[in-house]
Amino acid sequence: MKLESMSFFEIASKRMQWLGVRQQVVAENVANADTPEYKARDVSPFAEMIDAATRGGGPQTTNPKHISSNAFGDGMRVDEDQVAWEAKLDGNTVVLEQQSIKAAEISENYRLASQLYRKGYELLTLSVTGGR
């Protein structure tokens, strides 16, 4: 990871964007908890998103008619959740308890990232104004 090429605010903003997409995927999992053969999904790790951003991203679409390689862009990939706790008899791998835990983790991480972003802004304002 080449974090030195990214600003603090860019990293915090990307983290909040990644957490938002991850929350959306968890919500889709919960909505499909009773859908036969539905496989729980999760977003690729944040480190992969940062790596893709620092090296220029992945495959690019050169024509609007091309199919994008991922639905969310910015190096985020949504795949089947490899750590789903169990599969039901109908083939569904969504476990509501696991999704609830993920949603709580996402919420706490988003709160932390937004606080760090705010504190960074406050420090920048303090350095510019000299404490006035």
N, C-alpha and C. Protein backbone atom coordinates (compact mmCIF):
# COMPACT_ATOMS: atom_id res chain seq x y z
N MET A 1 0.83 -1.17 0.00
CA MET A 1 0.00 0.00 0.00
C MET A 1 0.89 1.24 0.00
N LYS A 2 0.60 2.16 -0.88
CA LYS A 2 1.36 3.40 -0.96
C LYS A 2 0.51 4.54 -0.42
N LEU A 3 0.40 4.60 0.89
CA LEU A 3 -0.44 5.61 1.51
C LEU A 3 0.15 7.01 1.42
N GLU A 4 1.48 7.09 1.23
CA GLU A 4 2.09 8.42 1.18
C GLU A 4 1.61 9.25 0.00
N SER A 5 1.05 8.60 -1.02
CA SER A 5 0.55 9.35 -2.18
C SER A 5 -0.90 9.82 -1.98
N MET A 6 -1.50 9.48 -0.84
CA MET A 6 -2.89 9.86 -0.58
C MET A 6 -2.95 10.75 0.65
N SER A 7 -3.84 11.72 0.63
CA SER A 7 -4.00 12.60 1.79
C SER A 7 -4.83 11.91 2.87
N PHE A 8 -4.73 12.43 4.08
CA PHE A 8 -5.50 11.90 5.19
C PHE A 8 -7.00 11.97 4.88
N PHE A 9 -7.43 13.11 4.34
CA PHE A 9 -8.85 13.30 4.05
C PHE A 9 -9.32 12.35 2.95
N GLU A 10 -8.48 12.08 1.97
CA GLU A 10 -8.85 11.17 0.90
C GLU A 10 -9.02 9.75 1.44
N ILE A 11 -8.11 9.33 2.31
CA ILE A 11 -8.21 7.99 2.90
C ILE A 11 -9.46 7.87 3.77
N ALA A 12 -9.71 8.88 4.60
CA ALA A 12 -10.90 8.84 5.47
C ALA A 12 -12.17 8.83 4.63
N SER A 13 -12.19 9.62 3.56
CA SER A 13 -13.36 9.67 2.68
C SER A 13 -13.58 8.33 1.99
N LYS A 14 -12.50 7.73 1.49
CA LYS A 14 -12.61 6.42 0.84
C LYS A 14 -13.08 5.35 1.83
N ARG A 15 -12.60 5.44 3.07
CA ARG A 15 -13.03 4.48 4.09
C ARG A 15 -14.53 4.59 4.34
N MET A 16 -15.03 5.84 4.43
CA MET A 16 -16.46 6.02 4.65
C MET A 16 -17.26 5.54 3.44
N GLN A 17 -16.74 5.76 2.24
CA GLN A 17 -17.41 5.26 1.03
C GLN A 17 -17.45 3.74 1.04
N TRP A 18 -16.34 3.09 1.37
CA TRP A 18 -16.27 1.64 1.43
C TRP A 18 -17.24 1.09 2.47
N LEU A 19 -17.30 1.74 3.64
CA LEU A 19 -18.22 1.29 4.68
C LEU A 19 -19.67 1.45 4.24
N GLY A 20 -19.98 2.51 3.49
CA GLY A 20 -21.34 2.70 2.98
C GLY A 20 -21.74 1.60 2.01
N VAL A 21 -20.82 1.23 1.13
CA VAL A 21 -21.10 0.14 0.19
C VAL A 21 -21.25 -1.18 0.94
N ARG A 22 -20.41 -1.40 1.93
CA ARG A 22 -20.49 -2.64 2.71
C ARG A 22 -21.83 -2.72 3.45
N GLN A 23 -22.29 -1.59 3.98
CA GLN A 23 -23.60 -1.57 4.66
C GLN A 23 -24.72 -1.88 3.67
N GLN A 24 -24.61 -1.38 2.45
CA GLN A 24 -25.61 -1.66 1.42
C GLN A 24 -25.64 -3.15 1.09
N VAL A 25 -24.48 -3.78 1.02
CA VAL A 25 -24.41 -5.22 0.72
C VAL A 25 -25.01 -6.02 1.87
N VAL A 26 -24.73 -5.62 3.11
CA VAL A 26 -25.32 -6.31 4.27
C VAL A 26 -26.84 -6.18 4.23
N ALA A 27 -27.34 -4.99 3.89
CA ALA A 27 -28.79 -4.79 3.80
C ALA A 27 -29.40 -5.67 2.71
N GLU A 28 -28.71 -5.82 1.58
CA GLU A 28 -29.19 -6.72 0.52
C GLU A 28 -29.20 -8.16 1.00
N ASN A 29 -28.19 -8.55 1.78
CA ASN A 29 -28.16 -9.91 2.33
C ASN A 29 -29.37 -10.15 3.23
N VAL A 30 -29.66 -9.19 4.10
CA VAL A 30 -30.80 -9.32 5.02
C VAL A 30 -32.11 -9.39 4.23
N ALA A 31 -32.22 -8.56 3.19
CA ALA A 31 -33.44 -8.55 2.38
C ALA A 31 -33.66 -9.88 1.67
N ASN A 32 -32.58 -10.60 1.40
CA ASN A 32 -32.68 -11.87 0.69
C ASN A 32 -32.49 -13.08 1.61
N ALA A 33 -32.71 -12.89 2.90
CA ALA A 33 -32.49 -13.96 3.88
C ALA A 33 -33.37 -15.18 3.63
N ASP A 34 -34.52 -15.00 2.98
CA ASP A 34 -35.43 -16.11 2.72
C ASP A 34 -35.46 -16.53 1.25
N THR A 35 -34.56 -15.99 0.44
CA THR A 35 -34.52 -16.32 -0.98
C THR A 35 -33.74 -17.62 -1.18
N PRO A 36 -34.38 -18.66 -1.74
CA PRO A 36 -33.66 -19.92 -1.97
C PRO A 36 -32.44 -19.72 -2.87
N GLU A 37 -31.37 -20.42 -2.54
CA GLU A 37 -30.11 -20.42 -3.30
C GLU A 37 -29.36 -19.09 -3.27
N TYR A 38 -29.83 -18.10 -2.49
CA TYR A 38 -29.11 -16.82 -2.40
C TYR A 38 -27.86 -17.03 -1.55
N LYS A 39 -26.74 -16.53 -2.04
CA LYS A 39 -25.46 -16.64 -1.33
C LYS A 39 -25.14 -15.29 -0.71
N ALA A 40 -24.83 -15.29 0.57
CA ALA A 40 -24.44 -14.06 1.26
C ALA A 40 -23.22 -13.47 0.55
N ARG A 41 -23.18 -12.13 0.49
CA ARG A 41 -22.08 -11.46 -0.19
C ARG A 41 -21.40 -10.49 0.77
N ASP A 42 -20.17 -10.10 0.41
CA ASP A 42 -19.44 -9.11 1.17
C ASP A 42 -18.53 -8.35 0.22
N VAL A 43 -18.07 -7.19 0.65
CA VAL A 43 -17.21 -6.34 -0.16
C VAL A 43 -15.76 -6.76 0.06
N SER A 44 -14.95 -6.63 -0.99
CA SER A 44 -13.53 -6.92 -0.86
C SER A 44 -12.92 -6.05 0.22
N PRO A 45 -11.82 -6.49 0.83
CA PRO A 45 -11.22 -5.72 1.93
C PRO A 45 -10.84 -4.29 1.52
N PHE A 46 -10.84 -3.39 2.50
CA PHE A 46 -10.51 -1.99 2.28
C PHE A 46 -9.09 -1.84 1.72
N ALA A 47 -8.18 -2.69 2.17
CA ALA A 47 -6.79 -2.61 1.69
C ALA A 47 -6.72 -2.81 0.18
N GLU A 48 -7.56 -3.69 -0.38
CA GLU A 48 -7.58 -3.89 -1.83
C GLU A 48 -8.06 -2.63 -2.54
N MET A 49 -9.02 -1.92 -1.95
CA MET A 49 -9.52 -0.69 -2.54
C MET A 49 -8.42 0.37 -2.57
N ILE A 50 -7.67 0.49 -1.48
CA ILE A 50 -6.58 1.46 -1.42
C ILE A 50 -5.48 1.09 -2.40
N ASP A 51 -5.14 -0.20 -2.49
CA ASP A 51 -4.13 -0.65 -3.45
C ASP A 51 -4.55 -0.30 -4.88
N ALA A 52 -5.81 -0.53 -5.21
CA ALA A 52 -6.30 -0.22 -6.55
C ALA A 52 -6.25 1.28 -6.82
N ALA A 53 -6.54 2.08 -5.80
CA ALA A 53 -6.53 3.54 -5.97
C ALA A 53 -5.11 4.06 -6.16
N THR A 54 -4.14 3.47 -5.48
CA THR A 54 -2.77 3.97 -5.58
C THR A 54 -2.06 3.49 -6.84
N ARG A 55 -2.51 2.40 -7.43
CA ARG A 55 -1.85 1.94 -8.66
C ARG A 55 -2.66 2.26 -9.91
N GLY A 56 -3.77 2.98 -9.74
CA GLY A 56 -4.52 3.43 -10.91
C GLY A 56 -5.75 2.63 -11.23
N GLY A 57 -6.16 1.75 -10.35
CA GLY A 57 -7.41 1.02 -10.57
C GLY A 57 -7.22 -0.22 -11.42
N GLY A 58 -8.31 -0.86 -11.72
CA GLY A 58 -8.30 -2.10 -12.47
C GLY A 58 -8.69 -1.86 -13.91
N PRO A 59 -9.35 -2.84 -14.51
CA PRO A 59 -9.77 -2.71 -15.91
C PRO A 59 -10.69 -1.51 -16.10
N GLN A 60 -10.49 -0.80 -17.17
CA GLN A 60 -11.30 0.37 -17.46
C GLN A 60 -12.24 0.07 -18.62
N THR A 61 -13.44 0.64 -18.56
CA THR A 61 -14.35 0.51 -19.69
C THR A 61 -14.09 1.69 -20.62
N THR A 62 -13.87 1.39 -21.89
CA THR A 62 -13.55 2.44 -22.86
C THR A 62 -14.75 2.83 -23.70
N ASN A 63 -15.85 2.14 -23.52
CA ASN A 63 -17.06 2.40 -24.27
C ASN A 63 -18.24 2.28 -23.31
N PRO A 64 -19.22 3.18 -23.37
CA PRO A 64 -20.35 3.10 -22.45
C PRO A 64 -21.13 1.80 -22.55
N LYS A 65 -20.99 1.08 -23.66
CA LYS A 65 -21.70 -0.19 -23.84
C LYS A 65 -20.98 -1.37 -23.19
N HIS A 66 -19.73 -1.15 -22.76
CA HIS A 66 -18.98 -2.22 -22.10
C HIS A 66 -19.57 -2.51 -20.74
N ILE A 67 -19.44 -3.74 -20.31
CA ILE A 67 -19.91 -4.14 -19.00
C ILE A 67 -18.79 -3.89 -18.00
N SER A 68 -19.09 -3.18 -16.93
CA SER A 68 -18.10 -2.88 -15.90
C SER A 68 -17.75 -4.16 -15.15
N SER A 69 -16.51 -4.25 -14.68
CA SER A 69 -16.07 -5.44 -13.98
C SER A 69 -16.57 -5.49 -12.54
N ASN A 70 -16.95 -4.35 -11.98
CA ASN A 70 -17.53 -4.36 -10.65
C ASN A 70 -18.61 -3.29 -10.56
N ALA A 71 -19.56 -3.54 -9.68
CA ALA A 71 -20.73 -2.67 -9.63
C ALA A 71 -20.47 -1.34 -8.96
N PHE A 72 -19.46 -1.25 -8.11
CA PHE A 72 -19.29 -0.05 -7.30
C PHE A 72 -18.09 0.79 -7.70
N GLY A 73 -17.21 0.31 -8.55
CA GLY A 73 -16.06 1.09 -8.97
C GLY A 73 -15.07 1.31 -7.83
N ASP A 74 -14.10 2.15 -8.06
CA ASP A 74 -13.10 2.52 -7.07
C ASP A 74 -12.39 1.33 -6.43
N GLY A 75 -12.23 0.24 -7.14
CA GLY A 75 -11.51 -0.91 -6.61
C GLY A 75 -12.31 -1.78 -5.68
N MET A 76 -13.60 -1.50 -5.50
CA MET A 76 -14.44 -2.34 -4.64
C MET A 76 -15.03 -3.47 -5.46
N ARG A 77 -14.99 -4.64 -4.87
CA ARG A 77 -15.54 -5.82 -5.54
C ARG A 77 -16.48 -6.51 -4.55
N VAL A 78 -17.63 -6.92 -5.02
CA VAL A 78 -18.58 -7.64 -4.17
C VAL A 78 -18.58 -9.10 -4.62
N ASP A 79 -18.24 -9.97 -3.68
CA ASP A 79 -18.15 -11.40 -3.96
C ASP A 79 -18.97 -12.18 -2.94
N GLU A 80 -19.10 -13.46 -3.20
CA GLU A 80 -19.77 -14.34 -2.24
C GLU A 80 -18.97 -14.34 -0.94
N ASP A 81 -19.66 -14.27 0.19
CA ASP A 81 -19.03 -14.26 1.50
C ASP A 81 -18.46 -15.64 1.79
N GLN A 82 -17.14 -15.72 1.90
CA GLN A 82 -16.49 -17.01 2.12
C GLN A 82 -16.53 -17.45 3.59
N VAL A 83 -16.92 -16.55 4.48
CA VAL A 83 -16.96 -16.90 5.91
C VAL A 83 -18.40 -16.94 6.44
N ALA A 84 -19.36 -17.21 5.56
CA ALA A 84 -20.76 -17.35 6.00
C ALA A 84 -20.82 -18.53 6.97
N TRP A 85 -21.58 -18.36 8.02
CA TRP A 85 -21.61 -19.34 9.09
C TRP A 85 -22.21 -20.68 8.69
N GLU A 86 -23.24 -20.67 7.88
CA GLU A 86 -23.92 -21.93 7.54
C GLU A 86 -24.76 -21.75 6.29
N ALA A 87 -25.19 -22.87 5.77
CA ALA A 87 -26.12 -22.86 4.63
C ALA A 87 -27.40 -23.58 5.06
N LYS A 88 -28.53 -23.00 4.70
CA LYS A 88 -29.81 -23.62 5.01
C LYS A 88 -30.07 -24.74 4.01
N LEU A 89 -31.11 -25.50 4.25
CA LEU A 89 -31.45 -26.60 3.35
C LEU A 89 -31.79 -26.12 1.95
N ASP A 90 -32.30 -24.87 1.83
CA ASP A 90 -32.64 -24.34 0.51
C ASP A 90 -31.45 -23.71 -0.20
N GLY A 91 -30.24 -23.79 0.40
CA GLY A 91 -29.02 -23.28 -0.22
C GLY A 91 -28.70 -21.84 0.13
N ASN A 92 -29.54 -21.19 0.90
CA ASN A 92 -29.30 -19.81 1.30
C ASN A 92 -28.23 -19.77 2.39
N THR A 93 -27.24 -18.87 2.25
CA THR A 93 -26.16 -18.79 3.24
C THR A 93 -26.22 -17.54 4.12
N VAL A 94 -27.35 -16.83 4.11
CA VAL A 94 -27.49 -15.63 4.94
C VAL A 94 -27.90 -16.05 6.35
N VAL A 95 -27.09 -15.65 7.34
CA VAL A 95 -27.41 -15.87 8.75
C VAL A 95 -27.65 -14.48 9.34
N LEU A 96 -28.87 -14.23 9.78
CA LEU A 96 -29.24 -12.90 10.25
C LEU A 96 -28.38 -12.42 11.42
N GLU A 97 -27.99 -13.33 12.31
CA GLU A 97 -27.15 -12.94 13.44
C GLU A 97 -25.79 -12.43 12.95
N GLN A 98 -25.21 -13.12 11.98
CA GLN A 98 -23.93 -12.70 11.41
C GLN A 98 -24.05 -11.35 10.72
N GLN A 99 -25.14 -11.14 10.00
CA GLN A 99 -25.34 -9.87 9.31
C GLN A 99 -25.56 -8.74 10.31
N SER A 100 -26.21 -9.03 11.44
CA SER A 100 -26.41 -8.02 12.49
C SER A 100 -25.08 -7.61 13.10
N ILE A 101 -24.21 -8.57 13.32
CA ILE A 101 -22.87 -8.28 13.86
C ILE A 101 -22.09 -7.41 12.87
N LYS A 102 -22.14 -7.77 11.59
CA LYS A 102 -21.45 -6.98 10.57
C LYS A 102 -22.00 -5.56 10.51
N ALA A 103 -23.31 -5.41 10.58
CA ALA A 103 -23.93 -4.08 10.52
C ALA A 103 -23.48 -3.23 11.71
N ALA A 104 -23.39 -3.82 12.89
CA ALA A 104 -22.93 -3.08 14.07
C ALA A 104 -21.47 -2.68 13.92
N GLU A 105 -20.63 -3.57 13.41
CA GLU A 105 -19.22 -3.24 13.19
C GLU A 105 -19.08 -2.11 12.18
N ILE A 106 -19.85 -2.18 11.12
CA ILE A 106 -19.80 -1.15 10.08
C ILE A 106 -20.21 0.19 10.65
N SER A 107 -21.27 0.22 11.44
CA SER A 107 -21.75 1.45 12.05
C SER A 107 -20.68 2.06 12.96
N GLU A 108 -20.05 1.25 13.78
CA GLU A 108 -19.01 1.74 14.68
C GLU A 108 -17.79 2.24 13.89
N ASN A 109 -17.39 1.52 12.87
CA ASN A 109 -16.26 1.94 12.05
C ASN A 109 -16.56 3.22 11.29
N TYR A 110 -17.79 3.40 10.84
CA TYR A 110 -18.17 4.63 10.14
C TYR A 110 -18.13 5.81 11.10
N ARG A 111 -18.62 5.60 12.31
CA ARG A 111 -18.58 6.66 13.32
C ARG A 111 -17.14 7.07 13.61
N LEU A 112 -16.25 6.10 13.75
CA LEU A 112 -14.84 6.37 14.01
C LEU A 112 -14.21 7.13 12.84
N ALA A 113 -14.46 6.69 11.62
CA ALA A 113 -13.88 7.35 10.44
C ALA A 113 -14.37 8.79 10.31
N SER A 114 -15.65 9.01 10.58
CA SER A 114 -16.17 10.38 10.48
C SER A 114 -15.61 11.27 11.59
N GLN A 115 -15.40 10.72 12.78
CA GLN A 115 -14.78 11.50 13.85
C GLN A 115 -13.33 11.85 13.50
N LEU A 116 -12.59 10.91 12.93
CA LEU A 116 -11.22 11.19 12.52
C LEU A 116 -11.18 12.26 11.44
N TYR A 117 -12.11 12.19 10.51
CA TYR A 117 -12.20 13.19 9.45
C TYR A 117 -12.46 14.57 10.07
N ARG A 118 -13.41 14.63 11.01
CA ARG A 118 -13.74 15.90 11.66
C ARG A 118 -12.56 16.43 12.45
N LYS A 119 -11.86 15.56 13.18
CA LYS A 119 -10.70 15.99 13.96
C LYS A 119 -9.58 16.50 13.04
N GLY A 120 -9.38 15.84 11.92
CA GLY A 120 -8.39 16.31 10.95
C GLY A 120 -8.73 17.69 10.44
N TYR A 121 -9.99 17.92 10.17
CA TYR A 121 -10.45 19.24 9.72
C TYR A 121 -10.22 20.28 10.80
N GLU A 122 -10.54 19.91 12.05
CA GLU A 122 -10.33 20.84 13.16
C GLU A 122 -8.85 21.18 13.32
N LEU A 123 -7.96 20.19 13.20
CA LEU A 123 -6.52 20.45 13.30
C LEU A 123 -6.03 21.34 12.16
N LEU A 124 -6.53 21.11 10.98
CA LEU A 124 -6.15 21.94 9.84
C LEU A 124 -6.63 23.37 10.06
N THR A 125 -7.85 23.53 10.53
CA THR A 125 -8.39 24.87 10.80
C THR A 125 -7.57 25.56 11.89
N LEU A 126 -7.20 24.83 12.92
CA LEU A 126 -6.40 25.38 14.00
C LEU A 126 -5.03 25.82 13.50
N SER A 127 -4.41 25.04 12.64
CA SER A 127 -3.08 25.41 12.12
C SER A 127 -3.15 26.62 11.21
N VAL A 128 -4.22 26.77 10.49
CA VAL A 128 -4.36 27.90 9.57
C VAL A 128 -4.71 29.20 10.32
N THR A 129 -5.60 29.09 11.28
CA THR A 129 -6.05 30.29 11.99
C THR A 129 -5.15 30.64 13.17
N GLY A 130 -4.32 29.72 13.60
CA GLY A 130 -3.45 29.99 14.74
C GLY A 130 -4.20 29.99 16.05
N GLY A 131 -5.31 29.33 16.12
CA GLY A 131 -6.06 29.21 17.36
C GLY A 131 -7.02 30.36 17.62
N ARG A 132 -7.30 31.18 16.62
CA ARG A 132 -8.21 32.31 16.82
C ARG A 132 -9.64 31.90 16.60
